[in-house]
Amino acid sequence: METVSDKEIQAMILKELPLMTSFTLKIQTPDIDSPLQETFEAEDIAEMAQALFRHFGTEHSCFDLAAYYPWKTSGWFSRKPVIQDKPPLTIRMFVASVKAGRWSSG
């Protein structure tokens, strides 16, 4: 496999994920280390991961979305802090896995 840059991998990830906007219609781009679960549904991540792994020929038999979902969120009127029991799934994890040629997180 030819060497691929982090920026190319990130661009493909962002292209495959649905466009997210704020209430003021400003485009929201996830940070490389922000949990994707806070912004995207499991189905969106699954489709992106499948396209990414197929495009770059990444071995992904160890990738299990159930290890990262469901993601707990706070209620609208809750002040109680959310205690996550799932690890965050980030763009950095996908970039590292594509570069390694296999899913290397989790």
PDB file of N, CA and C in Angstrom:
ATOM      1  N   MET A   1       0.840  -1.175   0.000  1.00  0.00           N
ATOM      2  CA  MET A   1       0.000   0.000   0.000  1.00  0.00           C
ATOM      3  C   MET A   1       0.887   1.240   0.000  1.00  0.00           C
ATOM      4  N   GLU A   2       0.534   2.210  -0.814  1.00  0.00           N
ATOM      5  CA  GLU A   2       1.305   3.439  -0.863  1.00  0.00           C
ATOM      6  C   GLU A   2       1.068   4.259   0.397  1.00  0.00           C
ATOM      7  N   THR A   3       2.037   5.106   0.709  1.00  0.00           N
ATOM      8  CA  THR A   3       1.921   5.942   1.891  1.00  0.00           C
ATOM      9  C   THR A   3       0.820   6.975   1.689  1.00  0.00           C
ATOM     10  N   VAL A   4      -0.020   7.080   2.677  1.00  0.00           N
ATOM     11  CA  VAL A   4      -1.134   8.027   2.620  1.00  0.00           C
ATOM     12  C   VAL A   4      -0.997   8.977   3.806  1.00  0.00           C
ATOM     13  N   SER A   5      -1.292  10.243   3.589  1.00  0.00           N
ATOM     14  CA  SER A   5      -1.122  11.234   4.654  1.00  0.00           C
ATOM     15  C   SER A   5      -2.318  11.241   5.607  1.00  0.00           C
ATOM     16  N   ASP A   6      -2.061  11.751   6.798  1.00  0.00           N
ATOM     17  CA  ASP A   6      -3.124  11.893   7.788  1.00  0.00           C
ATOM     18  C   ASP A   6      -4.250  12.770   7.245  1.00  0.00           C
ATOM     19  N   LYS A   7      -3.880  13.822   6.536  1.00  0.00           N
ATOM     20  CA  LYS A   7      -4.878  14.755   5.984  1.00  0.00           C
ATOM     21  C   LYS A   7      -5.788  14.064   4.971  1.00  0.00           C
ATOM     22  N   GLU A   8      -5.215  13.172   4.155  1.00  0.00           N
ATOM     23  CA  GLU A   8      -6.030  12.437   3.172  1.00  0.00           C
ATOM     24  C   GLU A   8      -7.039  11.531   3.875  1.00  0.00           C
ATOM     25  N   ILE A   9      -6.587  10.868   4.927  1.00  0.00           N
ATOM     26  CA  ILE A   9      -7.471   9.973   5.679  1.00  0.00           C
ATOM     27  C   ILE A   9      -8.568  10.787   6.362  1.00  0.00           C
ATOM     28  N   GLN A  10      -8.186  11.892   7.001  1.00  0.00           N
ATOM     29  CA  GLN A  10      -9.169  12.758   7.657  1.00  0.00           C
ATOM     30  C   GLN A  10     -10.190  13.285   6.659  1.00  0.00           C
ATOM     31  N   ALA A  11      -9.720  13.679   5.483  1.00  0.00           N
ATOM     32  CA  ALA A  11     -10.628  14.202   4.454  1.00  0.00           C
ATOM     33  C   ALA A  11     -11.644  13.148   4.045  1.00  0.00           C
ATOM     34  N   MET A  12     -11.205  11.902   3.906  1.00  0.00           N
ATOM     35  CA  MET A  12     -12.126  10.824   3.529  1.00  0.00           C
ATOM     36  C   MET A  12     -13.145  10.587   4.641  1.00  0.00           C
ATOM     37  N   ILE A  13     -12.685  10.599   5.886  1.00  0.00           N
ATOM     38  CA  ILE A  13     -13.589  10.400   7.023  1.00  0.00           C
ATOM     39  C   ILE A  13     -14.668  11.481   7.031  1.00  0.00           C
ATOM     40  N   LEU A  14     -14.248  12.737   6.909  1.00  0.00           N
ATOM     41  CA  LEU A  14     -15.203  13.846   6.942  1.00  0.00           C
ATOM     42  C   LEU A  14     -16.136  13.830   5.743  1.00  0.00           C
ATOM     43  N   LYS A  15     -15.642  13.347   4.607  1.00  0.00           N
ATOM     44  CA  LYS A  15     -16.481  13.248   3.407  1.00  0.00           C
ATOM     45  C   LYS A  15     -17.569  12.194   3.594  1.00  0.00           C
ATOM     46  N   GLU A  16     -17.235  11.111   4.272  1.00  0.00           N
ATOM     47  CA  GLU A  16     -18.176  10.003   4.458  1.00  0.00           C
ATOM     48  C   GLU A  16     -19.192  10.256   5.575  1.00  0.00           C
ATOM     49  N   LEU A  17     -18.865  11.127   6.520  1.00  0.00           N
ATOM     50  CA  LEU A  17     -19.795  11.426   7.609  1.00  0.00           C
ATOM     51  C   LEU A  17     -20.796  12.487   7.161  1.00  0.00           C
ATOM     52  N   PRO A  18     -22.014  12.459   7.706  1.00  0.00           N
ATOM     53  CA  PRO A  18     -23.001  13.476   7.324  1.00  0.00           C
ATOM     54  C   PRO A  18     -22.562  14.867   7.785  1.00  0.00           C
ATOM     55  N   LEU A  19     -22.951  15.864   7.037  1.00  0.00           N
ATOM     56  CA  LEU A  19     -22.644  17.251   7.359  1.00  0.00           C
ATOM     57  C   LEU A  19     -23.463  17.671   8.573  1.00  0.00           C
ATOM     58  N   MET A  20     -22.805  18.251   9.559  1.00  0.00           N
ATOM     59  CA  MET A  20     -23.483  18.701  10.770  1.00  0.00           C
ATOM     60  C   MET A  20     -23.390  20.216  10.849  1.00  0.00           C
ATOM     61  N   THR A  21     -24.508  20.851  11.220  1.00  0.00           N
ATOM     62  CA  THR A  21     -24.525  22.305  11.365  1.00  0.00           C
ATOM     63  C   THR A  21     -25.097  22.696  12.720  1.00  0.00           C
ATOM     64  N   SER A  22     -24.766  23.911  13.142  1.00  0.00           N
ATOM     65  CA  SER A  22     -25.312  24.447  14.388  1.00  0.00           C
ATOM     66  C   SER A  22     -26.691  25.041  14.107  1.00  0.00           C
ATOM     67  N   PHE A  23     -27.315  25.583  15.152  1.00  0.00           N
ATOM     68  CA  PHE A  23     -28.620  26.225  14.975  1.00  0.00           C
ATOM     69  C   PHE A  23     -28.536  27.424  14.035  1.00  0.00           C
ATOM     70  N   THR A  24     -27.356  28.025  13.961  1.00  0.00           N
ATOM     71  CA  THR A  24     -27.164  29.180  13.071  1.00  0.00           C
ATOM     72  C   THR A  24     -26.645  28.749  11.702  1.00  0.00           C
ATOM     73  N   LEU A  25     -26.710  27.452  11.420  1.00  0.00           N
ATOM     74  CA  LEU A  25     -26.298  26.847  10.152  1.00  0.00           C
ATOM     75  C   LEU A  25     -24.798  26.944   9.882  1.00  0.00           C
ATOM     76  N   LYS A  26     -24.007  27.105  10.940  1.00  0.00           N
ATOM     77  CA  LYS A  26     -22.555  27.079  10.804  1.00  0.00           C
ATOM     78  C   LYS A  26     -22.118  25.613  10.768  1.00  0.00           C
ATOM     79  N   ILE A  27     -21.283  25.253   9.797  1.00  0.00           N
ATOM     80  CA  ILE A  27     -20.834  23.867   9.655  1.00  0.00           C
ATOM     81  C   ILE A  27     -19.957  23.486  10.845  1.00  0.00           C
ATOM     82  N   GLN A  28     -20.271  22.351  11.454  1.00  0.00           N
ATOM     83  CA  GLN A  28     -19.533  21.831  12.598  1.00  0.00           C
ATOM     84  C   GLN A  28     -18.611  20.708  12.122  1.00  0.00           C
ATOM     85  N   THR A  29     -17.309  20.897  12.263  1.00  0.00           N
ATOM     86  CA  THR A  29     -16.341  19.875  11.878  1.00  0.00           C
ATOM     87  C   THR A  29     -15.759  19.267  13.145  1.00  0.00           C
ATOM     88  N   PRO A  30     -15.836  17.948  13.305  1.00  0.00           N
ATOM     89  CA  PRO A  30     -15.303  17.339  14.523  1.00  0.00           C
ATOM     90  C   PRO A  30     -13.785  17.465  14.597  1.00  0.00           C
ATOM     91  N   ASP A  31     -13.291  17.672  15.791  1.00  0.00           N
ATOM     92  CA  ASP A  31     -11.858  17.722  16.061  1.00  0.00           C
ATOM     93  C   ASP A  31     -11.291  16.304  15.965  1.00  0.00           C
ATOM     94  N   ILE A  32     -10.007  16.187  15.717  1.00  0.00           N
ATOM     95  CA  ILE A  32      -9.385  14.869  15.553  1.00  0.00           C
ATOM     96  C   ILE A  32      -9.490  14.020  16.826  1.00  0.00           C
ATOM     97  N   ASP A  33      -9.587  14.669  17.994  1.00  0.00           N
ATOM     98  CA  ASP A  33      -9.657  13.934  19.256  1.00  0.00           C
ATOM     99  C   ASP A  33     -11.017  14.004  19.948  1.00  0.00           C
ATOM    100  N   SER A  34     -11.999  14.620  19.323  1.00  0.00           N
ATOM    101  CA  SER A  34     -13.318  14.692  19.957  1.00  0.00           C
ATOM    102  C   SER A  34     -14.085  13.392  19.724  1.00  0.00           C
ATOM    103  N   PRO A  35     -14.860  12.948  20.711  1.00  0.00           N
ATOM    104  CA  PRO A  35     -15.623  11.706  20.554  1.00  0.00           C
ATOM    105  C   PRO A  35     -16.663  11.833  19.437  1.00  0.00           C
ATOM    106  N   LEU A  36     -16.564  10.980  18.456  1.00  0.00           N
ATOM    107  CA  LEU A  36     -17.512  11.010  17.340  1.00  0.00           C
ATOM    108  C   LEU A  36     -18.921  10.652  17.799  1.00  0.00           C
ATOM    109  N   GLN A  37     -19.025   9.900  18.897  1.00  0.00           N
ATOM    110  CA  GLN A  37     -20.330   9.496  19.406  1.00  0.00           C
ATOM    111  C   GLN A  37     -21.173  10.685  19.852  1.00  0.00           C
ATOM    112  N   GLU A  38     -20.535  11.796  20.203  1.00  0.00           N
ATOM    113  CA  GLU A  38     -21.294  12.964  20.653  1.00  0.00           C
ATOM    114  C   GLU A  38     -21.993  13.675  19.503  1.00  0.00           C
ATOM    115  N   THR A  39     -21.563  13.399  18.275  1.00  0.00           N
ATOM    116  CA  THR A  39     -22.105  14.098  17.114  1.00  0.00           C
ATOM    117  C   THR A  39     -22.843  13.183  16.152  1.00  0.00           C
ATOM    118  N   PHE A  40     -22.398  11.941  16.016  1.00  0.00           N
ATOM    119  CA  PHE A  40     -22.922  11.056  14.979  1.00  0.00           C
ATOM    120  C   PHE A  40     -23.565   9.807  15.563  1.00  0.00           C
ATOM    121  N   GLU A  41     -24.575   9.319  14.860  1.00  0.00           N
ATOM    122  CA  GLU A  41     -25.245   8.073  15.236  1.00  0.00           C
ATOM    123  C   GLU A  41     -24.361   6.882  14.869  1.00  0.00           C
ATOM    124  N   ALA A  42     -24.615   5.760  15.487  1.00  0.00           N
ATOM    125  CA  ALA A  42     -23.837   4.547  15.227  1.00  0.00           C
ATOM    126  C   ALA A  42     -23.892   4.150  13.752  1.00  0.00           C
ATOM    127  N   GLU A  43     -25.051   4.321  13.119  1.00  0.00           N
ATOM    128  CA  GLU A  43     -25.195   3.955  11.705  1.00  0.00           C
ATOM    129  C   GLU A  43     -24.284   4.804  10.817  1.00  0.00           C
ATOM    130  N   ASP A  44     -24.148   6.092  11.146  1.00  0.00           N
ATOM    131  CA  ASP A  44     -23.268   6.981  10.381  1.00  0.00           C
ATOM    132  C   ASP A  44     -21.813   6.533  10.499  1.00  0.00           C
ATOM    133  N   ILE A  45     -21.405   6.182  11.712  1.00  0.00           N
ATOM    134  CA  ILE A  45     -20.030   5.730  11.944  1.00  0.00           C
ATOM    135  C   ILE A  45     -19.793   4.399  11.244  1.00  0.00           C
ATOM    136  N   ALA A  46     -20.765   3.491  11.301  1.00  0.00           N
ATOM    137  CA  ALA A  46     -20.614   2.184  10.656  1.00  0.00           C
ATOM    138  C   ALA A  46     -20.432   2.326   9.151  1.00  0.00           C
ATOM    139  N   GLU A  47     -21.235   3.173   8.527  1.00  0.00           N
ATOM    140  CA  GLU A  47     -21.119   3.382   7.075  1.00  0.00           C
ATOM    141  C   GLU A  47     -19.786   4.024   6.714  1.00  0.00           C
ATOM    142  N   MET A  48     -19.357   5.013   7.501  1.00  0.00           N
ATOM    143  CA  MET A  48     -18.077   5.669   7.251  1.00  0.00           C
ATOM    144  C   MET A  48     -16.931   4.680   7.404  1.00  0.00           C
ATOM    145  N   ALA A  49     -16.956   3.894   8.481  1.00  0.00           N
ATOM    146  CA  ALA A  49     -15.883   2.936   8.740  1.00  0.00           C
ATOM    147  C   ALA A  49     -15.792   1.898   7.628  1.00  0.00           C
ATOM    148  N   GLN A  50     -16.921   1.399   7.179  1.00  0.00           N
ATOM    149  CA  GLN A  50     -16.930   0.409   6.103  1.00  0.00           C
ATOM    150  C   GLN A  50     -16.310   0.992   4.832  1.00  0.00           C
ATOM    151  N   ALA A  51     -16.702   2.199   4.469  1.00  0.00           N
ATOM    152  CA  ALA A  51     -16.152   2.846   3.268  1.00  0.00           C
ATOM    153  C   ALA A  51     -14.660   3.124   3.430  1.00  0.00           C
ATOM    154  N   LEU A  52     -14.256   3.586   4.607  1.00  0.00           N
ATOM    155  CA  LEU A  52     -12.850   3.902   4.877  1.00  0.00           C
ATOM    156  C   LEU A  52     -11.982   2.649   4.811  1.00  0.00           C
ATOM    157  N   PHE A  53     -12.402   1.595   5.497  1.00  0.00           N
ATOM    158  CA  PHE A  53     -11.624   0.359   5.509  1.00  0.00           C
ATOM    159  C   PHE A  53     -11.531  -0.255   4.116  1.00  0.00           C
ATOM    160  N   ARG A  54     -12.614  -0.212   3.372  1.00  0.00           N
ATOM    161  CA  ARG A  54     -12.619  -0.761   2.014  1.00  0.00           C
ATOM    162  C   ARG A  54     -11.697   0.056   1.101  1.00  0.00           C
ATOM    163  N   HIS A  55     -11.787   1.382   1.174  1.00  0.00           N
ATOM    164  CA  HIS A  55     -10.997   2.261   0.311  1.00  0.00           C
ATOM    165  C   HIS A  55      -9.493   2.078   0.536  1.00  0.00           C
ATOM    166  N   PHE A  56      -9.087   1.974   1.801  1.00  0.00           N
ATOM    167  CA  PHE A  56      -7.663   1.881   2.114  1.00  0.00           C
ATOM    168  C   PHE A  56      -7.187   0.443   2.326  1.00  0.00           C
ATOM    169  N   GLY A  57      -8.072  -0.535   2.188  1.00  0.00           N
ATOM    170  CA  GLY A  57      -7.688  -1.935   2.348  1.00  0.00           C
ATOM    171  C   GLY A  57      -7.263  -2.267   3.768  1.00  0.00           C
ATOM    172  N   THR A  58      -7.929  -1.681   4.742  1.00  0.00           N
ATOM    173  CA  THR A  58      -7.592  -1.879   6.154  1.00  0.00           C
ATOM    174  C   THR A  58      -8.304  -3.116   6.693  1.00  0.00           C
ATOM    175  N   GLU A  59      -7.554  -3.991   7.355  1.00  0.00           N
ATOM    176  CA  GLU A  59      -8.125  -5.190   7.966  1.00  0.00           C
ATOM    177  C   GLU A  59      -8.912  -4.729   9.199  1.00  0.00           C
ATOM    178  N   HIS A  60     -10.182  -5.083   9.262  1.00  0.00           N
ATOM    179  CA  HIS A  60     -11.042  -4.529  10.310  1.00  0.00           C
ATOM    180  C   HIS A  60     -11.853  -5.567  11.078  1.00  0.00           C
ATOM    181  N   SER A  61     -11.410  -6.806  11.091  1.00  0.00           N
ATOM    182  CA  SER A  61     -12.187  -7.842  11.778  1.00  0.00           C
ATOM    183  C   SER A  61     -12.275  -7.594  13.290  1.00  0.00           C
ATOM    184  N   CYS A  62     -11.337  -6.849  13.846  1.00  0.00           N
ATOM    185  CA  CYS A  62     -11.361  -6.550  15.284  1.00  0.00           C
ATOM    186  C   CYS A  62     -12.178  -5.305  15.619  1.00  0.00           C
ATOM    187  N   PHE A  63     -12.673  -4.599  14.597  1.00  0.00           N
ATOM    188  CA  PHE A  63     -13.470  -3.393  14.841  1.00  0.00           C
ATOM    189  C   PHE A  63     -14.875  -3.809  15.245  1.00  0.00           C
ATOM    190  N   ASP A  64     -15.283  -3.407  16.438  1.00  0.00           N
ATOM    191  CA  ASP A  64     -16.609  -3.736  16.959  1.00  0.00           C
ATOM    192  C   ASP A  64     -17.275  -2.458  17.451  1.00  0.00           C
ATOM    193  N   LEU A  65     -18.246  -1.990  16.715  1.00  0.00           N
ATOM    194  CA  LEU A  65     -18.928  -0.742  17.053  1.00  0.00           C
ATOM    195  C   LEU A  65     -19.641  -0.833  18.400  1.00  0.00           C
ATOM    196  N   ALA A  66     -20.019  -2.033  18.802  1.00  0.00           N
ATOM    197  CA  ALA A  66     -20.698  -2.214  20.090  1.00  0.00           C
ATOM    198  C   ALA A  66     -19.785  -1.856  21.266  1.00  0.00           C
ATOM    199  N   ALA A  67     -18.474  -1.828  21.040  1.00  0.00           N
ATOM    200  CA  ALA A  67     -17.547  -1.425  22.100  1.00  0.00           C
ATOM    201  C   ALA A  67     -17.611   0.079  22.360  1.00  0.00           C
ATOM    202  N   TYR A  68     -18.194   0.834  21.418  1.00  0.00           N
ATOM    203  CA  TYR A  68     -18.227   2.296  21.508  1.00  0.00           C
ATOM    204  C   TYR A  68     -19.634   2.879  21.628  1.00  0.00           C
ATOM    205  N   TYR A  69     -20.643   2.084  21.387  1.00  0.00           N
ATOM    206  CA  TYR A  69     -22.043   2.519  21.476  1.00  0.00           C
ATOM    207  C   TYR A  69     -22.803   1.543  22.348  1.00  0.00           C
ATOM    208  N   PRO A  70     -23.869   1.945  23.029  1.00  0.00           N
ATOM    209  CA  PRO A  70     -24.470   3.276  23.025  1.00  0.00           C
ATOM    210  C   PRO A  70     -23.658   4.258  23.861  1.00  0.00           C
ATOM    211  N   TRP A  71     -23.706   5.509  23.466  1.00  0.00           N
ATOM    212  CA  TRP A  71     -23.016   6.611  24.132  1.00  0.00           C
ATOM    213  C   TRP A  71     -24.031   7.335  25.009  1.00  0.00           C
ATOM    214  N   LYS A  72     -23.697   7.521  26.261  1.00  0.00           N
ATOM    215  CA  LYS A  72     -24.623   8.177  27.187  1.00  0.00           C
ATOM    216  C   LYS A  72     -24.549   9.695  27.029  1.00  0.00           C
ATOM    217  N   THR A  73     -25.701  10.325  27.032  1.00  0.00           N
ATOM    218  CA  THR A  73     -25.770  11.790  26.982  1.00  0.00           C
ATOM    219  C   THR A  73     -26.612  12.283  28.145  1.00  0.00           C
ATOM    220  N   SER A  74     -26.371  13.507  28.550  1.00  0.00           N
ATOM    221  CA  SER A  74     -27.151  14.057  29.660  1.00  0.00           C
ATOM    222  C   SER A  74     -28.531  14.472  29.169  1.00  0.00           C
ATOM    223  N   GLY A  75     -29.478  14.450  30.064  1.00  0.00           N
ATOM    224  CA  GLY A  75     -30.829  14.885  29.732  1.00  0.00           C
ATOM    225  C   GLY A  75     -30.877  16.398  29.578  1.00  0.00           C
ATOM    226  N   TRP A  76     -31.955  16.882  29.012  1.00  0.00           N
ATOM    227  CA  TRP A  76     -32.101  18.319  28.769  1.00  0.00           C
ATOM    228  C   TRP A  76     -32.017  19.134  30.055  1.00  0.00           C
ATOM    229  N   PHE A  77     -32.620  18.640  31.113  1.00  0.00           N
ATOM    230  CA  PHE A  77     -32.683  19.413  32.349  1.00  0.00           C
ATOM    231  C   PHE A  77     -31.871  18.774  33.475  1.00  0.00           C
ATOM    232  N   SER A  78     -30.992  17.884  33.132  1.00  0.00           N
ATOM    233  CA  SER A  78     -30.203  17.179  34.135  1.00  0.00           C
ATOM    234  C   SER A  78     -28.897  17.916  34.424  1.00  0.00           C
ATOM    235  N   ARG A  79     -28.588  18.027  35.685  1.00  0.00           N
ATOM    236  CA  ARG A  79     -27.301  18.605  36.098  1.00  0.00           C
ATOM    237  C   ARG A  79     -26.332  17.504  36.494  1.00  0.00           C
ATOM    238  N   LYS A  80     -26.838  16.315  36.515  1.00  0.00           N
ATOM    239  CA  LYS A  80     -26.042  15.171  36.925  1.00  0.00           C
ATOM    240  C   LYS A  80     -24.985  14.869  35.860  1.00  0.00           C
ATOM    241  N   PRO A  81     -23.722  14.724  36.256  1.00  0.00           N
ATOM    242  CA  PRO A  81     -22.687  14.418  35.262  1.00  0.00           C
ATOM    243  C   PRO A  81     -22.878  13.015  34.680  1.00  0.00           C
ATOM    244  N   VAL A  82     -22.571  12.885  33.409  1.00  0.00           N
ATOM    245  CA  VAL A  82     -22.703  11.597  32.731  1.00  0.00           C
ATOM    246  C   VAL A  82     -21.423  10.796  32.952  1.00  0.00           C
ATOM    247  N   ILE A  83     -21.582   9.558  33.369  1.00  0.00           N
ATOM    248  CA  ILE A  83     -20.433   8.671  33.542  1.00  0.00           C
ATOM    249  C   ILE A  83     -20.454   7.680  32.385  1.00  0.00           C
ATOM    250  N   GLN A  84     -19.491   7.835  31.482  1.00  0.00           N
ATOM    251  CA  GLN A  84     -19.423   6.973  30.299  1.00  0.00           C
ATOM    252  C   GLN A  84     -18.853   5.606  30.666  1.00  0.00           C
ATOM    253  N   ASP A  85     -19.423   4.565  30.095  1.00  0.00           N
ATOM    254  CA  ASP A  85     -18.857   3.234  30.262  1.00  0.00           C
ATOM    255  C   ASP A  85     -18.288   2.715  28.940  1.00  0.00           C
ATOM    256  N   LYS A  86     -18.256   3.589  27.935  1.00  0.00           N
ATOM    257  CA  LYS A  86     -17.697   3.250  26.625  1.00  0.00           C
ATOM    258  C   LYS A  86     -16.562   4.223  26.320  1.00  0.00           C
ATOM    259  N   PRO A  87     -15.504   3.749  25.673  1.00  0.00           N
ATOM    260  CA  PRO A  87     -14.405   4.657  25.317  1.00  0.00           C
ATOM    261  C   PRO A  87     -14.793   5.560  24.151  1.00  0.00           C
ATOM    262  N   PRO A  88     -14.182   6.740  24.069  1.00  0.00           N
ATOM    263  CA  PRO A  88     -14.472   7.625  22.933  1.00  0.00           C
ATOM    264  C   PRO A  88     -13.890   7.058  21.638  1.00  0.00           C
ATOM    265  N   LEU A  89     -14.607   7.253  20.560  1.00  0.00           N
ATOM    266  CA  LEU A  89     -14.172   6.841  19.222  1.00  0.00           C
ATOM    267  C   LEU A  89     -13.814   8.117  18.476  1.00  0.00           C
ATOM    268  N   THR A  90     -12.547   8.246  18.050  1.00  0.00           N
ATOM    269  CA  THR A  90     -12.076   9.504  17.478  1.00  0.00           C
ATOM    270  C   THR A  90     -11.535   9.324  16.061  1.00  0.00           C
ATOM    271  N   ILE A  91     -11.417  10.437  15.366  1.00  0.00           N
ATOM    272  CA  ILE A  91     -10.822  10.425  14.028  1.00  0.00           C
ATOM    273  C   ILE A  91      -9.377   9.947  14.118  1.00  0.00           C
ATOM    274  N   ARG A  92      -8.662  10.355  15.174  1.00  0.00           N
ATOM    275  CA  ARG A  92      -7.268   9.928  15.352  1.00  0.00           C
ATOM    276  C   ARG A  92      -7.150   8.396  15.376  1.00  0.00           C
ATOM    277  N   MET A  93      -8.117   7.713  15.989  1.00  0.00           N
ATOM    278  CA  MET A  93      -8.093   6.252  16.042  1.00  0.00           C
ATOM    279  C   MET A  93      -8.222   5.656  14.644  1.00  0.00           C
ATOM    280  N   PHE A  94      -9.097   6.227  13.822  1.00  0.00           N
ATOM    281  CA  PHE A  94      -9.257   5.740  12.452  1.00  0.00           C
ATOM    282  C   PHE A  94      -8.008   6.009  11.623  1.00  0.00           C
ATOM    283  N   VAL A  95      -7.409   7.186  11.787  1.00  0.00           N
ATOM    284  CA  VAL A  95      -6.186   7.530  11.049  1.00  0.00           C
ATOM    285  C   VAL A  95      -5.072   6.549  11.408  1.00  0.00           C
ATOM    286  N   ALA A  96      -4.867   6.305  12.701  1.00  0.00           N
ATOM    287  CA  ALA A  96      -3.817   5.384  13.147  1.00  0.00           C
ATOM    288  C   ALA A  96      -4.058   3.974  12.619  1.00  0.00           C
ATOM    289  N   SER A  97      -5.297   3.548  12.593  1.00  0.00           N
ATOM    290  CA  SER A  97      -5.618   2.203  12.116  1.00  0.00           C
ATOM    291  C   SER A  97      -5.380   2.054  10.623  1.00  0.00           C
ATOM    292  N   VAL A  98      -5.758   3.059   9.842  1.00  0.00           N
ATOM    293  CA  VAL A  98      -5.517   3.004   8.396  1.00  0.00           C
ATOM    294  C   VAL A  98      -4.019   2.948   8.130  1.00  0.00           C
ATOM    295  N   LYS A  99      -3.245   3.752   8.862  1.00  0.00           N
ATOM    296  CA  LYS A  99      -1.791   3.766   8.667  1.00  0.00           C
ATOM    297  C   LYS A  99      -1.162   2.429   9.083  1.00  0.00           C
ATOM    298  N   ALA A 100      -1.743   1.780  10.095  1.00  0.00           N
ATOM    299  CA  ALA A 100      -1.232   0.485  10.552  1.00  0.00           C
ATOM    300  C   ALA A 100      -1.700  -0.660   9.655  1.00  0.00           C
ATOM    301  N   GLY A 101      -2.749  -0.421   8.867  1.00  0.00           N
ATOM    302  CA  GLY A 101      -3.272  -1.459   7.987  1.00  0.00           C
ATOM    303  C   GLY A 101      -4.274  -2.381   8.643  1.00  0.00           C
ATOM    304  N   ARG A 102      -4.595  -2.117   9.902  1.00  0.00           N
ATOM    305  CA  ARG A 102      -5.565  -2.932  10.642  1.00  0.00           C
ATOM    306  C   ARG A 102      -6.151  -2.096  11.764  1.00  0.00           C
ATOM    307  N   TRP A 103      -7.333  -2.490  12.259  1.00  0.00           N
ATOM    308  CA  TRP A 103      -7.926  -1.770  13.371  1.00  0.00           C
ATOM    309  C   TRP A 103      -7.050  -2.005  14.590  1.00  0.00           C
ATOM    310  N   SER A 104      -6.492  -0.929  15.129  1.00  0.00           N
ATOM    311  CA  SER A 104      -5.503  -1.067  16.195  1.00  0.00           C
ATOM    312  C   SER A 104      -5.946  -0.478  17.524  1.00  0.00           C
ATOM    313  N   SER A 105      -7.201  -0.101  17.651  1.00  0.00           N
ATOM    314  CA  SER A 105      -7.698   0.458  18.910  1.00  0.00           C
ATOM    315  C   SER A 105      -8.692  -0.502  19.534  1.00  0.00           C
ATOM    316  N   GLY A 106      -8.813  -0.366  20.853  1.00  0.00           N
ATOM    317  CA  GLY A 106      -9.816  -1.161  21.538  1.00  0.00           C
ATOM    318  C   GLY A 106      -9.417  -2.483  21.872  1.00  0.00           C
TER     319      GLY A 106
END
